[in-house]
Protein backbone atom coordinates (compact mmCIF):
# COMPACT_ATOMS: atom_id res chain seq x y z
CA MET A 1 100.54 70.57 96.70
CA GLY A 2 100.16 74.25 95.83
CA MET A 3 102.66 76.98 96.53
CA ASN A 4 101.95 79.11 99.59
CA GLN A 5 101.18 82.59 98.23
CA ARG A 6 100.86 84.28 101.61
CA PHE A 7 102.88 87.48 101.93
CA GLU A 8 103.30 88.35 105.60
CA THR A 9 106.62 90.22 105.57
CA LEU A 10 108.81 92.09 103.11
CA TRP A 11 111.09 89.06 103.05
CA ASP A 12 108.21 86.96 101.70
CA VAL A 13 107.67 89.56 98.96
CA THR A 14 111.35 89.83 97.96
CA ARG A 15 112.05 86.11 97.82
CA ARG A 16 109.24 85.73 95.27
CA ASP A 17 110.64 88.62 93.16
CA ALA A 18 107.57 90.76 93.72
CA ASN A 19 107.16 94.47 94.45
CA LEU A 20 104.61 96.64 96.22
CA HIS A 21 101.81 98.67 94.65
CA VAL A 22 101.25 101.62 97.01
CA GLN A 23 98.22 103.92 96.70
CA CYS A 24 97.68 107.18 98.60
CA SER A 25 94.72 107.50 100.95
CA PHE A 26 93.97 111.14 100.19
CA HIS A 27 92.27 112.75 97.20
CA CYS A 28 95.43 113.02 95.09
CA ALA A 29 95.10 109.34 94.01
CA ASN A 30 98.88 109.06 93.67
CA GLU A 31 100.15 105.50 93.26
CA SER A 32 103.43 103.80 92.43
CA ILE A 33 105.19 100.47 92.33
CA VAL A 34 107.92 100.38 94.99
CA ASP A 35 111.00 98.15 94.76
CA ALA A 36 110.47 95.67 97.60
CA LYS A 37 114.15 94.69 97.81
CA ARG A 38 115.27 98.26 98.47
CA MET A 39 112.40 98.79 100.87
CA GLU A 40 113.29 95.62 102.74
CA ARG A 41 116.92 96.77 103.13
CA TRP A 42 115.80 100.22 104.29
CA TYR A 43 113.38 98.81 106.87
CA ARG A 44 115.98 96.30 108.10
CA MET A 45 118.59 99.09 108.50
CA HIS A 46 116.19 101.05 110.70
CA LEU A 47 114.96 97.94 112.56
CA TRP A 48 111.37 98.74 111.54
CA ASP A 49 108.58 96.17 111.49
CA THR A 50 108.46 94.50 108.05
CA HIS A 51 104.98 92.98 108.23
CA VAL A 52 103.13 93.96 105.06
CA SER A 53 100.12 95.13 107.08
CA ARG A 54 102.30 97.68 108.94
CA LEU A 55 104.49 99.06 106.15
CA GLY A 56 102.42 102.22 105.72
CA LYS A 57 103.47 103.46 109.15
CA HIS A 58 106.75 104.73 107.64
CA LEU A 59 105.55 105.72 104.16
CA ARG A 60 104.30 109.08 102.89
CA CYS A 61 102.86 110.21 99.57
CA SER A 62 105.36 112.17 97.49
CA LYS A 63 102.62 114.63 96.40
CA CYS A 64 100.41 115.30 99.43
CA LEU A 65 102.44 113.69 102.27
CA GLY A 66 99.48 111.48 103.22
CA ARG A 67 99.75 107.88 104.38
CA PRO A 68 99.08 105.03 101.95
CA GLU A 69 95.64 103.47 102.03
CA HIS A 70 96.37 100.33 100.03
CA ILE A 71 99.55 98.31 99.78
CA LYS A 72 99.33 95.26 97.52
CA VAL A 73 101.87 92.78 96.26
CA THR A 74 102.47 92.89 92.51
CA HIS A 75 104.88 91.50 89.94
CA GLN A 76 105.06 94.78 88.00
CA LYS A 77 108.39 96.56 87.69
CA PRO A 78 109.09 99.47 90.09
CA ASN A 79 108.23 102.96 88.87
CA GLY A 80 108.45 104.79 92.18
CA PRO A 81 111.18 107.16 93.32
CA CYS A 82 114.66 105.71 93.94
CA TRP A 83 115.45 105.98 97.63
CA GLY A 84 117.38 104.08 100.22
CA PRO A 85 120.58 102.11 99.78
CA GLN A 86 121.32 100.82 96.29
CA THR A 87 123.39 97.81 97.46
CA GLU A 88 124.18 95.95 100.68
CA ARG A 89 127.42 97.93 100.95
CA ASP A 90 125.60 101.30 100.91
């Protein structure tokens, strides 16, 4: 039987050691790979909805302040800005 590759929440993404590829919706075409573990902690701290389809509600482009158009799961290493708590203790 095959492995279920459905990513519904940030928890699903983090437990498979994946990250998020986020692309801006405006003309700046800014994109980055965001650390899903840090993002999951940040969203959990704020009690925000962690469904992958709704993550863009709290994200903004670092260049033009637009909302992301595409959020995809990837296994690439994060290259986005470091934000949020670094550890559980933070």
